[in-house]
Amino acid sequence: MKIFIRTVGILMILAAIVLFFWQDIREYFTDQVNDRLITAYQDGDDDVKLNPVETFVTGVEQNTKGINIGEDMAGVLEIASADILEPVYRGPLTEEKLRNGVSMLEETDHLDMQNIPIAGHRVEGAGIRFNYIDRADVGDEINFITRDETRVYKITEMFEVDPSEVGVLGQTEGAVQEITLITCEDYNPDTLLFEKRLIVKAELIETE
């Protein structure tokens, strides 16, 4: 009986430790998965298979073959000043893709659009997805890395809008190509809702 009680006590202590450090654990595993996805994408692979621990901790979803990066992944988004390095998935935007990285909005969105929209979650307490995007500033560079090239953008604006504001997604024929990053802002604990959207706009300055 004493052994049983001692074992239960140890398990409870371990569970408490895991809960306390859960966001750090999640961030660590997500970074590891991101590195695998990005490396596989750059190596020209089509699928990445995660183990059960990785899928449980990160919440990333996969099919029987794993995560299909050959068809679904459009590139890699890097914002060094905000510690962001995320897989970018093609639209349409789904909750699964937002769990796996960041995503374009519509199925018809593509890299030759004048204004490329990319949405991502903010994961409170963990430095993943767009959680640290407010560390970026006007003038900082954003790299969009594909298998063929790296497009370098410079942030021109950062501002908040209401969730219903879609004007930021408009296309302007003949204008410099830009990307528009969209994430949640202004969490209201009373309503359990994010009442604003943070918009980051960046213009293309060079292609490498």
C-alpha atoms as a PDB file:
ATOM      1  CA  MET A   1       0.000   0.000   0.000  1.00  0.00           C
ATOM      2  CA  LYS A   2       2.831   2.367   0.850  1.00  0.00           C
ATOM      3  CA  ILE A   3       4.421   1.696  -2.542  1.00  0.00           C
ATOM      4  CA  PHE A   4       1.116   2.462  -4.269  1.00  0.00           C
ATOM      5  CA  ILE A   5       0.665   5.752  -2.383  1.00  0.00           C
ATOM      6  CA  ARG A   6       4.266   6.748  -3.071  1.00  0.00           C
ATOM      7  CA  THR A   7       3.839   5.963  -6.789  1.00  0.00           C
ATOM      8  CA  VAL A   8       0.636   8.017  -6.991  1.00  0.00           C
ATOM      9  CA  GLY A   9       2.380  10.881  -5.207  1.00  0.00           C
ATOM     10  CA  ILE A  10       5.288  10.820  -7.656  1.00  0.00           C
ATOM     11  CA  LEU A  11       2.880  10.739 -10.623  1.00  0.00           C
ATOM     12  CA  MET A  12       0.969  13.715  -9.228  1.00  0.00           C
ATOM     13  CA  ILE A  13       4.191  15.673  -8.788  1.00  0.00           C
ATOM     14  CA  LEU A  14       5.257  14.839 -12.347  1.00  0.00           C
ATOM     15  CA  ALA A  15       1.830  15.855 -13.677  1.00  0.00           C
ATOM     16  CA  ALA A  16       2.060  19.177 -11.829  1.00  0.00           C
ATOM     17  CA  ILE A  17       5.518  19.824 -13.275  1.00  0.00           C
ATOM     18  CA  VAL A  18       4.292  19.054 -16.803  1.00  0.00           C
ATOM     19  CA  LEU A  19       1.292  21.368 -16.378  1.00  0.00           C
ATOM     20  CA  PHE A  20       3.481  24.164 -15.041  1.00  0.00           C
ATOM     21  CA  PHE A  21       5.902  23.931 -17.955  1.00  0.00           C
ATOM     22  CA  TRP A  22       3.316  22.881 -20.572  1.00  0.00           C
ATOM     23  CA  GLN A  23       3.621  25.966 -22.773  1.00  0.00           C
ATOM     24  CA  ASP A  24       7.417  25.699 -22.758  1.00  0.00           C
ATOM     25  CA  ILE A  25       7.153  22.014 -23.667  1.00  0.00           C
ATOM     26  CA  ARG A  26       4.688  22.819 -26.429  1.00  0.00           C
ATOM     27  CA  GLU A  27       6.927  25.565 -27.784  1.00  0.00           C
ATOM     28  CA  TYR A  28       9.952  23.242 -27.800  1.00  0.00           C
ATOM     29  CA  PHE A  29       8.148  20.446 -29.649  1.00  0.00           C
ATOM     30  CA  THR A  30       6.539  22.879 -32.106  1.00  0.00           C
ATOM     31  CA  ASP A  31       9.936  24.358 -32.930  1.00  0.00           C
ATOM     32  CA  GLN A  32      11.282  20.859 -33.533  1.00  0.00           C
ATOM     33  CA  VAL A  33       8.364  19.962 -35.802  1.00  0.00           C
ATOM     34  CA  ASN A  34       8.681  23.265 -37.670  1.00  0.00           C
ATOM     35  CA  ASP A  35      12.377  22.583 -38.273  1.00  0.00           C
ATOM     36  CA  ARG A  36      11.547  19.137 -39.673  1.00  0.00           C
ATOM     37  CA  LEU A  37       8.799  20.493 -41.922  1.00  0.00           C
ATOM     38  CA  ILE A  38      10.962  23.325 -43.236  1.00  0.00           C
ATOM     39  CA  THR A  39      13.994  21.089 -43.828  1.00  0.00           C
ATOM     40  CA  ALA A  40      11.856  18.506 -45.624  1.00  0.00           C
ATOM     41  CA  TYR A  41      10.229  21.229 -47.731  1.00  0.00           C
ATOM     42  CA  GLN A  42      13.606  22.646 -48.743  1.00  0.00           C
ATOM     43  CA  ASP A  43      14.867  19.123 -49.525  1.00  0.00           C
ATOM     44  CA  GLY A  44      11.951  18.591 -51.918  1.00  0.00           C
ATOM     45  CA  ASP A  45      10.144  15.963 -49.832  1.00  0.00           C
ATOM     46  CA  ASP A  46       6.372  15.508 -50.121  1.00  0.00           C
ATOM     47  CA  ASP A  47       5.390  14.216 -46.664  1.00  0.00           C
ATOM     48  CA  VAL A  48       6.591  14.430 -43.072  1.00  0.00           C
ATOM     49  CA  LYS A  49       5.502  11.792 -40.553  1.00  0.00           C
ATOM     50  CA  LEU A  50       5.233  12.843 -36.902  1.00  0.00           C
ATOM     51  CA  ASN A  51       5.371  10.488 -33.940  1.00  0.00           C
ATOM     52  CA  PRO A  52       2.447  10.244 -31.450  1.00  0.00           C
ATOM     53  CA  VAL A  53       4.187  12.402 -28.834  1.00  0.00           C
ATOM     54  CA  GLU A  54       4.772  15.203 -31.358  1.00  0.00           C
ATOM     55  CA  THR A  55       1.155  15.178 -32.533  1.00  0.00           C
ATOM     56  CA  PHE A  56      -0.187  15.115 -28.961  1.00  0.00           C
ATOM     57  CA  VAL A  57       1.974  17.950 -27.631  1.00  0.00           C
ATOM     58  CA  THR A  58       1.796  20.263 -30.666  1.00  0.00           C
ATOM     59  CA  GLY A  59      -1.782  19.600 -31.766  1.00  0.00           C
ATOM     60  CA  VAL A  60      -0.524  19.350 -35.350  1.00  0.00           C
ATOM     61  CA  GLU A  61      -2.773  17.185 -37.533  1.00  0.00           C
ATOM     62  CA  GLN A  62      -1.666  14.654 -40.138  1.00  0.00           C
ATOM     63  CA  ASN A  63      -3.168  11.970 -42.339  1.00  0.00           C
ATOM     64  CA  THR A  64      -2.005   8.362 -42.626  1.00  0.00           C
ATOM     65  CA  LYS A  65       1.043   9.444 -44.637  1.00  0.00           C
ATOM     66  CA  GLY A  66       1.851  12.373 -42.375  1.00  0.00           C
ATOM     67  CA  ILE A  67       1.711  16.064 -43.282  1.00  0.00           C
ATOM     68  CA  ASN A  68       1.494  16.681 -47.026  1.00  0.00           C
ATOM     69  CA  ILE A  69       3.985  19.473 -47.635  1.00  0.00           C
ATOM     70  CA  GLY A  70       4.424  18.744 -51.323  1.00  0.00           C
ATOM     71  CA  GLU A  71       0.966  20.000 -52.276  1.00  0.00           C
ATOM     72  CA  ASP A  72      -0.155  21.975 -49.236  1.00  0.00           C
ATOM     73  CA  MET A  73       2.918  24.020 -48.300  1.00  0.00           C
ATOM     74  CA  ALA A  74       3.586  27.245 -50.209  1.00  0.00           C
ATOM     75  CA  GLY A  75       6.788  28.282 -48.447  1.00  0.00           C
ATOM     76  CA  VAL A  76       8.332  29.456 -45.201  1.00  0.00           C
ATOM     77  CA  LEU A  77       7.714  32.792 -43.475  1.00  0.00           C
ATOM     78  CA  GLU A  78      10.637  34.244 -41.519  1.00  0.00           C
ATOM     79  CA  ILE A  79      10.569  37.393 -39.379  1.00  0.00           C
ATOM     80  CA  ALA A  80      13.842  37.439 -37.461  1.00  0.00           C
ATOM     81  CA  SER A  81      12.928  40.439 -35.302  1.00  0.00           C
ATOM     82  CA  ALA A  82       9.816  38.636 -34.025  1.00  0.00           C
ATOM     83  CA  ASP A  83      11.400  35.168 -33.727  1.00  0.00           C
ATOM     84  CA  ILE A  84       8.974  33.795 -36.336  1.00  0.00           C
ATOM     85  CA  LEU A  85       9.852  30.886 -38.626  1.00  0.00           C
ATOM     86  CA  GLU A  86       6.662  29.194 -39.783  1.00  0.00           C
ATOM     87  CA  PRO A  87       5.435  26.900 -42.566  1.00  0.00           C
ATOM     88  CA  VAL A  88       2.961  28.680 -44.858  1.00  0.00           C
ATOM     89  CA  TYR A  89       0.116  26.576 -46.233  1.00  0.00           C
ATOM     90  CA  ARG A  90      -1.961  27.225 -49.319  1.00  0.00           C
ATOM     91  CA  GLY A  91      -5.630  28.138 -48.898  1.00  0.00           C
ATOM     92  CA  PRO A  92      -8.373  27.601 -48.130  1.00  0.00           C
ATOM     93  CA  LEU A  93      -7.815  28.609 -44.522  1.00  0.00           C
ATOM     94  CA  THR A  94      -8.742  25.823 -42.091  1.00  0.00           C
ATOM     95  CA  GLU A  95      -8.284  25.253 -38.378  1.00  0.00           C
ATOM     96  CA  GLU A  96      -6.056  22.282 -39.208  1.00  0.00           C
ATOM     97  CA  LYS A  97      -3.670  24.488 -41.192  1.00  0.00           C
ATOM     98  CA  LEU A  98      -3.636  27.086 -38.414  1.00  0.00           C
ATOM     99  CA  ARG A  99      -2.616  24.344 -35.986  1.00  0.00           C
ATOM    100  CA  ASN A 100       0.133  23.233 -38.349  1.00  0.00           C
ATOM    101  CA  GLY A 101       1.512  26.708 -39.167  1.00  0.00           C
ATOM    102  CA  VAL A 102       0.117  29.811 -40.891  1.00  0.00           C
ATOM    103  CA  SER A 103      -2.002  29.899 -44.035  1.00  0.00           C
ATOM    104  CA  MET A 104      -3.238  31.838 -47.030  1.00  0.00           C
ATOM    105  CA  LEU A 105      -6.960  32.575 -46.905  1.00  0.00           C
ATOM    106  CA  GLU A 106      -8.577  31.340 -50.099  1.00  0.00           C
ATOM    107  CA  GLU A 107      -8.028  28.362 -52.372  1.00  0.00           C
ATOM    108  CA  THR A 108      -7.393  30.797 -55.232  1.00  0.00           C
ATOM    109  CA  ASP A 109      -4.669  32.744 -53.372  1.00  0.00           C
ATOM    110  CA  HIS A 110      -1.216  32.422 -54.947  1.00  0.00           C
ATOM    111  CA  LEU A 111       2.278  33.919 -54.787  1.00  0.00           C
ATOM    112  CA  ASP A 112       1.818  36.105 -57.867  1.00  0.00           C
ATOM    113  CA  MET A 113      -1.016  38.129 -56.326  1.00  0.00           C
ATOM    114  CA  GLN A 114      -0.388  41.812 -55.734  1.00  0.00           C
ATOM    115  CA  ASN A 115      -1.510  41.425 -52.105  1.00  0.00           C
ATOM    116  CA  ILE A 116      -0.831  38.003 -50.537  1.00  0.00           C
ATOM    117  CA  PRO A 117      -2.885  37.457 -47.333  1.00  0.00           C
ATOM    118  CA  ILE A 118      -1.491  35.157 -44.624  1.00  0.00           C
ATOM    119  CA  ALA A 119      -3.291  34.436 -41.351  1.00  0.00           C
ATOM    120  CA  GLY A 120      -1.991  32.860 -38.166  1.00  0.00           C
ATOM    121  CA  HIS A 121      -3.007  32.229 -34.570  1.00  0.00           C
ATOM    122  CA  ARG A 122      -1.471  33.818 -31.518  1.00  0.00           C
ATOM    123  CA  VAL A 123      -0.771  31.096 -28.958  1.00  0.00           C
ATOM    124  CA  GLU A 124      -0.726  32.721 -25.535  1.00  0.00           C
ATOM    125  CA  GLY A 125       2.214  31.727 -23.361  1.00  0.00           C
ATOM    126  CA  ALA A 126       4.078  29.987 -26.185  1.00  0.00           C
ATOM    127  CA  GLY A 127       6.389  31.597 -28.712  1.00  0.00           C
ATOM    128  CA  ILE A 128       4.887  29.901 -31.760  1.00  0.00           C
ATOM    129  CA  ARG A 129       2.907  30.959 -34.842  1.00  0.00           C
ATOM    130  CA  PHE A 130       2.250  34.737 -34.702  1.00  0.00           C
ATOM    131  CA  ASN A 131       2.423  35.110 -30.917  1.00  0.00           C
ATOM    132  CA  TYR A 132       5.494  37.397 -30.989  1.00  0.00           C
ATOM    133  CA  ILE A 133       4.521  39.341 -34.101  1.00  0.00           C
ATOM    134  CA  ASP A 134       4.142  42.559 -32.103  1.00  0.00           C
ATOM    135  CA  ARG A 135       7.908  42.467 -31.511  1.00  0.00           C
ATOM    136  CA  ALA A 136       8.345  43.372 -35.175  1.00  0.00           C
ATOM    137  CA  ASP A 137       8.363  47.005 -36.251  1.00  0.00           C
ATOM    138  CA  VAL A 138       8.034  49.146 -39.354  1.00  0.00           C
ATOM    139  CA  GLY A 139      11.223  48.801 -41.394  1.00  0.00           C
ATOM    140  CA  ASP A 140      11.918  45.195 -40.344  1.00  0.00           C
ATOM    141  CA  GLU A 141      12.379  42.601 -43.067  1.00  0.00           C
ATOM    142  CA  ILE A 142      10.217  39.550 -43.767  1.00  0.00           C
ATOM    143  CA  ASN A 143      11.542  36.651 -45.829  1.00  0.00           C
ATOM    144  CA  PHE A 144       9.181  34.431 -47.786  1.00  0.00           C
ATOM    145  CA  ILE A 145      11.213  31.362 -48.721  1.00  0.00           C
ATOM    146  CA  THR A 146      10.058  28.962 -51.448  1.00  0.00           C
ATOM    147  CA  ARG A 147      11.841  26.029 -53.066  1.00  0.00           C
ATOM    148  CA  ASP A 148      12.925  28.324 -55.901  1.00  0.00           C
ATOM    149  CA  GLU A 149      13.668  31.702 -54.326  1.00  0.00           C
ATOM    150  CA  THR A 150      13.557  33.998 -51.324  1.00  0.00           C
ATOM    151  CA  ARG A 151      11.393  37.102 -51.507  1.00  0.00           C
ATOM    152  CA  VAL A 152      12.401  39.891 -49.140  1.00  0.00           C
ATOM    153  CA  TYR A 153       9.708  42.279 -47.906  1.00  0.00           C
ATOM    154  CA  LYS A 154       9.970  45.369 -45.695  1.00  0.00           C
ATOM    155  CA  ILE A 155       7.261  46.126 -43.134  1.00  0.00           C
ATOM    156  CA  THR A 156       5.511  49.399 -44.010  1.00  0.00           C
ATOM    157  CA  GLU A 157       2.546  49.427 -41.608  1.00  0.00           C
ATOM    158  CA  MET A 158       1.256  47.775 -38.436  1.00  0.00           C
ATOM    159  CA  PHE A 159      -2.252  48.607 -37.247  1.00  0.00           C
ATOM    160  CA  GLU A 160      -5.456  47.200 -35.750  1.00  0.00           C
ATOM    161  CA  VAL A 161      -8.807  46.760 -37.470  1.00  0.00           C
ATOM    162  CA  ASP A 162     -12.215  45.351 -36.591  1.00  0.00           C
ATOM    163  CA  PRO A 163     -12.679  41.667 -37.522  1.00  0.00           C
ATOM    164  CA  SER A 164     -15.219  42.680 -40.172  1.00  0.00           C
ATOM    165  CA  GLU A 165     -12.736  44.959 -42.003  1.00  0.00           C
ATOM    166  CA  VAL A 166     -11.754  43.243 -45.259  1.00  0.00           C
ATOM    167  CA  GLY A 167     -10.424  46.281 -47.112  1.00  0.00           C
ATOM    168  CA  VAL A 168      -6.879  45.340 -46.087  1.00  0.00           C
ATOM    169  CA  LEU A 169      -7.141  42.337 -48.419  1.00  0.00           C
ATOM    170  CA  GLY A 170      -7.836  44.385 -51.542  1.00  0.00           C
ATOM    171  CA  GLN A 171      -5.754  43.989 -54.704  1.00  0.00           C
ATOM    172  CA  THR A 172      -4.281  47.124 -56.339  1.00  0.00           C
ATOM    173  CA  GLU A 173      -3.365  46.561 -59.955  1.00  0.00           C
ATOM    174  CA  GLY A 174       0.072  47.906 -60.868  1.00  0.00           C
ATOM    175  CA  ALA A 175       1.157  48.442 -57.258  1.00  0.00           C
ATOM    176  CA  VAL A 176       4.243  46.911 -55.626  1.00  0.00           C
ATOM    177  CA  GLN A 177       3.592  43.370 -54.430  1.00  0.00           C
ATOM    178  CA  GLU A 178       2.943  43.103 -50.712  1.00  0.00           C
ATOM    179  CA  ILE A 179       2.008  40.564 -48.097  1.00  0.00           C
ATOM    180  CA  THR A 180      -0.640  41.184 -45.452  1.00  0.00           C
ATOM    181  CA  LEU A 181      -0.252  39.258 -42.200  1.00  0.00           C
ATOM    182  CA  ILE A 182      -3.385  38.881 -40.087  1.00  0.00           C
ATOM    183  CA  THR A 183      -3.714  37.724 -36.493  1.00  0.00           C
ATOM    184  CA  CYS A 184      -5.920  38.200 -33.451  1.00  0.00           C
ATOM    185  CA  GLU A 185      -5.489  41.131 -31.069  1.00  0.00           C
ATOM    186  CA  ASP A 186      -7.174  42.635 -28.002  1.00  0.00           C
ATOM    187  CA  TYR A 187      -8.412  39.593 -26.087  1.00  0.00           C
ATOM    188  CA  ASN A 188     -11.432  40.297 -23.891  1.00  0.00           C
ATOM    189  CA  PRO A 189     -11.563  37.878 -20.917  1.00  0.00           C
ATOM    190  CA  ASP A 190     -15.216  38.766 -20.292  1.00  0.00           C
ATOM    191  CA  THR A 191     -16.391  37.711 -23.750  1.00  0.00           C
ATOM    192  CA  LEU A 192     -13.562  35.199 -24.369  1.00  0.00           C
ATOM    193  CA  LEU A 193     -13.107  36.807 -27.788  1.00  0.00           C
ATOM    194  CA  PHE A 194     -10.373  38.684 -29.615  1.00  0.00           C
ATOM    195  CA  GLU A 195     -12.043  41.979 -30.503  1.00  0.00           C
ATOM    196  CA  LYS A 196      -9.469  43.288 -32.993  1.00  0.00           C
ATOM    197  CA  ARG A 197      -7.197  42.030 -35.735  1.00  0.00           C
ATOM    198  CA  LEU A 198      -3.549  43.054 -35.958  1.00  0.00           C
ATOM    199  CA  ILE A 199      -2.493  43.769 -39.538  1.00  0.00           C
ATOM    200  CA  VAL A 200       1.121  43.794 -40.709  1.00  0.00           C
ATOM    201  CA  LYS A 201       1.747  45.009 -44.256  1.00  0.00           C
ATOM    202  CA  ALA A 202       5.083  44.591 -45.999  1.00  0.00           C
ATOM    203  CA  GLU A 203       6.221  45.502 -49.529  1.00  0.00           C
ATOM    204  CA  LEU A 204       8.501  43.432 -51.747  1.00  0.00           C
ATOM    205  CA  ILE A 205      11.980  44.969 -52.011  1.00  0.00           C
ATOM    206  CA  GLU A 206      14.005  42.187 -53.650  1.00  0.00           C
ATOM    207  CA  THR A 207      14.033  38.565 -54.802  1.00  0.00           C
ATOM    208  CA  GLU A 208      17.046  36.352 -54.207  1.00  0.00           C
END
